[in-house]
Amino acid sequence: MKIRRSKKIVLKILIGFAGLVILYIFCIGIACIPGLFLLSEEKTTTIDGVTTFEEAVLACRGSGCEGWDLVEYAQKLTARKFTYSRRNSWESPEKAFARGQGYCVQQALVLNRIYKGMGIESKVVHGKGDFPDSVIHGVSEPGGNFNHTWLEVTINGETLYVCPGSASNSPGNLDFTITGKVKPYTKIMHFFTFPGAILINAIRDFRATRFRKESIPHPAQSGA
């Protein structure tokens, strides 16, 4: 009797959990809808003859830069290629790069891949930082303390933070002040946080813009 009752309790828990997962997935799907309508019709942008991630690697290799100059060249190219956007968070970093729109995780992940493609030691990290005011989707937004993702790059034993969120950044010089502990942004973390980021970015976009459609010009505006 007790075993049968325990099975019923476990079954109810599993059904409840499955219901929450389905509801979560449904909410994420709904959160993607505004972006599908609000994104610009152009699915690619080109900066300095670079459209794709692969072309970015070739451009960096052909730049003639070495060491930290090469790191900075790739960082600024990525920053100028991207316009900060919360409306295509579901896209892969490479596809977001080709589109020229994306949020900090997409920016950092694709720049990390560019560095790896050139044999430069780098890893993705995340933490909190104080950011200045910015313009996102054509709307002025106040600065504040936000979660953010960027890179840690090592050249000849020297390690510096590198952020592609703004073209004004350079290795070791960021447009935000780190306020919390910096931790590695792992693949496992990305797997579990990726769906939530879609939902959170949609909510933040609605609060700031009420999903107003706005053309997004280059160069990129910085954002958390």
Protein backbone atom coordinates (compact mmCIF):
# COMPACT_ATOMS: atom_id res chain seq x y z
CA MET A 1 0.00 0.00 0.00
CA LYS A 2 2.75 2.40 0.96
CA ILE A 3 4.75 1.51 -2.16
CA ARG A 4 1.71 2.21 -4.38
CA ARG A 5 1.14 5.53 -2.66
CA SER A 6 4.82 6.46 -3.09
CA LYS A 7 4.60 5.65 -6.79
CA LYS A 8 1.58 7.94 -7.14
CA ILE A 9 3.45 10.77 -5.40
CA VAL A 10 6.49 10.31 -7.63
CA LEU A 11 4.26 10.22 -10.71
CA LYS A 12 2.55 13.46 -9.68
CA ILE A 13 5.92 15.10 -9.15
CA LEU A 14 7.12 13.97 -12.58
CA ILE A 15 3.93 15.18 -14.24
CA GLY A 16 4.21 18.52 -12.47
CA PHE A 17 7.85 18.89 -13.49
CA ALA A 18 7.04 17.96 -17.10
CA GLY A 19 4.27 20.56 -17.08
CA LEU A 20 6.66 23.24 -15.88
CA VAL A 21 9.18 22.31 -18.58
CA ILE A 22 6.49 22.48 -21.28
CA LEU A 23 5.30 25.85 -19.95
CA TYR A 24 8.89 27.13 -19.89
CA ILE A 25 9.50 26.02 -23.49
CA PHE A 26 6.18 27.58 -24.53
CA CYS A 27 7.14 30.91 -22.94
CA ILE A 28 10.51 30.86 -24.70
CA GLY A 29 8.79 30.18 -28.02
CA ILE A 30 6.44 33.11 -27.45
CA ALA A 31 9.44 35.29 -26.51
CA CYS A 32 11.01 34.58 -29.92
CA ILE A 33 8.02 35.88 -31.86
CA PRO A 34 8.61 39.65 -31.46
CA GLY A 35 12.20 39.31 -32.67
CA LEU A 36 11.08 37.52 -35.81
CA PHE A 37 8.96 40.55 -36.73
CA LEU A 38 11.24 43.29 -35.40
CA LEU A 39 14.58 42.18 -36.85
CA SER A 40 15.71 43.97 -39.99
CA GLU A 41 15.00 42.18 -43.25
CA GLU A 42 18.72 42.00 -44.06
CA LYS A 43 20.11 38.74 -42.70
CA THR A 44 23.75 39.72 -43.27
CA THR A 45 25.89 42.82 -42.89
CA THR A 46 29.38 43.45 -44.19
CA ILE A 47 32.15 45.45 -42.49
CA ASP A 48 35.53 45.87 -44.24
CA GLY A 49 34.59 43.06 -46.64
CA VAL A 50 33.80 40.71 -43.74
CA THR A 51 30.41 39.03 -43.56
CA THR A 52 30.95 35.60 -41.99
CA PHE A 53 32.92 34.25 -39.07
CA GLU A 54 35.27 32.43 -41.47
CA GLU A 55 35.97 35.67 -43.35
CA ALA A 56 36.74 37.39 -40.05
CA VAL A 57 39.43 34.80 -39.28
CA LEU A 58 40.96 35.27 -42.75
CA ALA A 59 40.86 39.06 -42.38
CA CYS A 60 42.61 38.90 -39.01
CA ARG A 61 45.27 36.54 -40.36
CA GLY A 62 45.85 38.85 -43.30
CA SER A 63 46.00 42.03 -41.22
CA GLY A 64 49.74 41.80 -40.62
CA CYS A 65 49.16 42.31 -36.89
CA GLU A 66 50.78 40.18 -34.20
CA GLY A 67 50.43 39.67 -30.45
CA TRP A 68 48.17 42.13 -28.67
CA ASP A 69 47.77 44.19 -31.84
CA LEU A 70 46.16 41.15 -33.45
CA VAL A 71 43.96 40.60 -30.39
CA GLU A 72 42.80 44.21 -30.59
CA TYR A 73 42.27 44.04 -34.35
CA ALA A 74 39.92 41.06 -33.96
CA GLN A 75 38.14 42.64 -30.99
CA LYS A 76 37.44 45.91 -32.80
CA LEU A 77 36.40 44.13 -35.99
CA THR A 78 33.91 42.07 -33.99
CA ALA A 79 32.64 45.13 -32.12
CA ARG A 80 32.09 47.09 -35.34
CA LYS A 81 30.42 44.10 -36.99
CA PHE A 82 27.90 43.70 -34.16
CA THR A 83 25.09 46.02 -33.18
CA TYR A 84 23.82 45.19 -29.72
CA SER A 85 20.46 43.45 -30.00
CA ARG A 86 18.20 41.46 -27.70
CA ARG A 87 15.96 40.34 -30.56
CA ASN A 88 17.85 37.36 -32.02
CA SER A 89 19.14 35.68 -28.86
CA TRP A 90 18.23 32.21 -30.18
CA GLU A 91 20.68 32.43 -33.10
CA SER A 92 24.10 30.79 -32.99
CA PRO A 93 27.04 33.15 -32.42
CA GLU A 94 28.18 32.62 -36.02
CA LYS A 95 24.76 33.40 -37.48
CA ALA A 96 24.39 36.45 -35.23
CA PHE A 97 27.82 37.62 -36.40
CA ALA A 98 26.77 37.26 -40.04
CA ARG A 99 23.56 39.20 -39.32
CA GLY A 100 25.54 41.82 -37.44
CA GLN A 101 23.24 41.82 -34.42
CA GLY A 102 23.47 40.07 -31.08
CA TYR A 103 23.88 40.34 -27.32
CA CYS A 104 27.01 39.98 -25.20
CA VAL A 105 27.11 36.16 -25.06
CA GLN A 106 26.91 35.84 -28.85
CA GLN A 107 29.58 38.52 -29.25
CA ALA A 108 31.97 36.92 -26.79
CA LEU A 109 31.48 33.37 -28.08
CA VAL A 110 32.16 34.29 -31.71
CA LEU A 111 35.23 36.38 -30.82
CA ASN A 112 36.50 33.46 -28.76
CA ARG A 113 36.13 31.25 -31.85
CA ILE A 114 38.02 33.81 -33.94
CA TYR A 115 40.88 33.76 -31.44
CA LYS A 116 40.89 29.97 -31.35
CA GLY A 117 41.02 29.98 -35.16
CA MET A 118 44.22 32.00 -34.94
CA GLY A 119 45.78 29.93 -32.16
CA ILE A 120 45.34 32.63 -29.51
CA GLU A 121 44.68 31.43 -25.96
CA SER A 122 41.34 32.76 -24.74
CA LYS A 123 38.36 31.76 -22.64
CA VAL A 124 34.90 33.17 -22.09
CA VAL A 125 34.13 34.63 -18.66
CA HIS A 126 31.17 36.33 -17.03
CA GLY A 127 30.41 38.57 -14.10
CA LYS A 128 28.74 41.82 -13.12
CA GLY A 129 29.74 45.32 -14.11
CA ASP A 130 28.67 48.95 -13.93
CA PHE A 131 27.79 50.20 -17.42
CA PRO A 132 27.30 53.72 -18.79
CA ASP A 133 24.13 54.91 -20.51
CA SER A 134 23.54 53.36 -23.94
CA VAL A 135 21.23 53.38 -26.94
CA ILE A 136 19.66 50.01 -27.75
CA HIS A 137 17.15 49.52 -30.56
CA GLY A 138 17.00 53.26 -30.99
CA VAL A 139 16.01 53.88 -27.37
CA SER A 140 18.20 55.57 -24.75
CA GLU A 141 18.64 53.35 -21.70
CA PRO A 142 20.24 54.31 -18.38
CA GLY A 143 23.38 52.60 -17.25
CA GLY A 144 23.49 50.29 -14.27
CA ASN A 145 24.87 47.11 -12.81
CA PHE A 146 24.31 44.20 -15.21
CA ASN A 147 25.44 40.64 -15.83
CA HIS A 148 27.88 40.53 -18.72
CA THR A 149 30.03 38.12 -20.72
CA TRP A 150 33.47 38.86 -22.16
CA LEU A 151 36.87 37.21 -22.70
CA GLU A 152 40.11 36.53 -20.88
CA VAL A 153 43.02 36.43 -23.34
CA THR A 154 46.60 35.36 -22.67
CA ILE A 155 49.61 36.33 -24.82
CA ASN A 156 53.15 35.31 -23.78
CA GLY A 157 52.10 34.81 -20.18
CA GLU A 158 50.25 38.12 -19.92
CA THR A 159 46.48 37.92 -19.36
CA LEU A 160 44.04 40.74 -20.10
CA TYR A 161 40.29 41.10 -20.33
CA VAL A 162 38.92 41.71 -23.82
CA CYS A 163 35.34 42.76 -24.55
CA PRO A 164 33.81 43.05 -28.05
CA GLY A 165 30.81 44.98 -26.71
CA SER A 166 32.19 48.34 -27.83
CA ALA A 167 34.65 49.45 -30.52
CA SER A 168 36.14 51.86 -27.97
CA ASN A 169 37.39 48.91 -25.90
CA SER A 170 40.89 47.52 -26.20
CA PRO A 171 42.72 44.69 -24.41
CA GLY A 172 42.79 45.58 -20.72
CA ASN A 173 40.55 48.63 -21.23
CA LEU A 174 36.79 48.14 -20.88
CA ASP A 175 33.86 50.53 -21.09
CA PHE A 176 32.45 49.07 -17.87
CA THR A 177 33.73 48.56 -14.33
CA ILE A 178 33.81 45.00 -13.03
CA THR A 179 31.97 44.84 -9.72
CA GLY A 180 31.74 41.12 -8.94
CA LYS A 181 33.69 37.92 -9.09
CA VAL A 182 34.69 36.90 -12.62
CA LYS A 183 33.88 33.26 -13.38
CA PRO A 184 34.38 30.99 -16.42
CA TYR A 185 31.44 30.83 -18.82
CA THR A 186 31.39 27.13 -19.61
CA LYS A 187 29.62 25.14 -22.34
CA ILE A 188 27.47 23.49 -19.69
CA MET A 189 26.48 26.89 -18.32
CA HIS A 190 25.62 28.07 -21.83
CA PHE A 191 23.47 24.99 -22.40
CA PHE A 192 21.38 25.64 -19.30
CA THR A 193 21.24 29.46 -19.45
CA PHE A 194 20.73 29.85 -23.23
CA PRO A 195 16.92 29.32 -23.13
CA GLY A 196 16.52 31.68 -20.18
CA ALA A 197 18.52 34.39 -21.94
CA ILE A 198 16.01 34.40 -24.80
CA LEU A 199 13.17 35.00 -22.36
CA ILE A 200 15.02 37.58 -20.25
CA ASN A 201 16.17 39.56 -23.30
CA ALA A 202 12.60 39.64 -24.65
CA ILE A 203 11.31 40.93 -21.31
CA ARG A 204 14.01 43.59 -21.13
CA ASP A 205 13.32 44.64 -24.71
CA PHE A 206 9.60 45.00 -24.01
CA ARG A 207 10.24 47.08 -20.90
CA ALA A 208 12.61 49.40 -22.75
CA THR A 209 11.03 49.68 -26.19
CA ARG A 210 7.55 48.13 -26.02
CA PHE A 211 8.80 46.11 -29.01
CA ARG A 212 9.05 49.22 -31.17
CA LYS A 213 10.52 48.43 -34.56
CA GLU A 214 13.64 50.43 -35.24
CA SER A 215 16.35 50.16 -37.85
CA ILE A 216 19.69 49.54 -36.16
CA PRO A 217 22.62 51.43 -37.70
CA HIS A 218 26.29 50.58 -37.48
CA PRO A 219 28.68 51.04 -35.73
CA ALA A 220 27.54 48.99 -32.76
CA GLN A 221 26.31 50.58 -29.58
CA SER A 222 27.67 49.07 -26.40
CA GLY A 223 25.33 47.25 -24.05
CA ALA A 224 25.30 44.76 -21.24
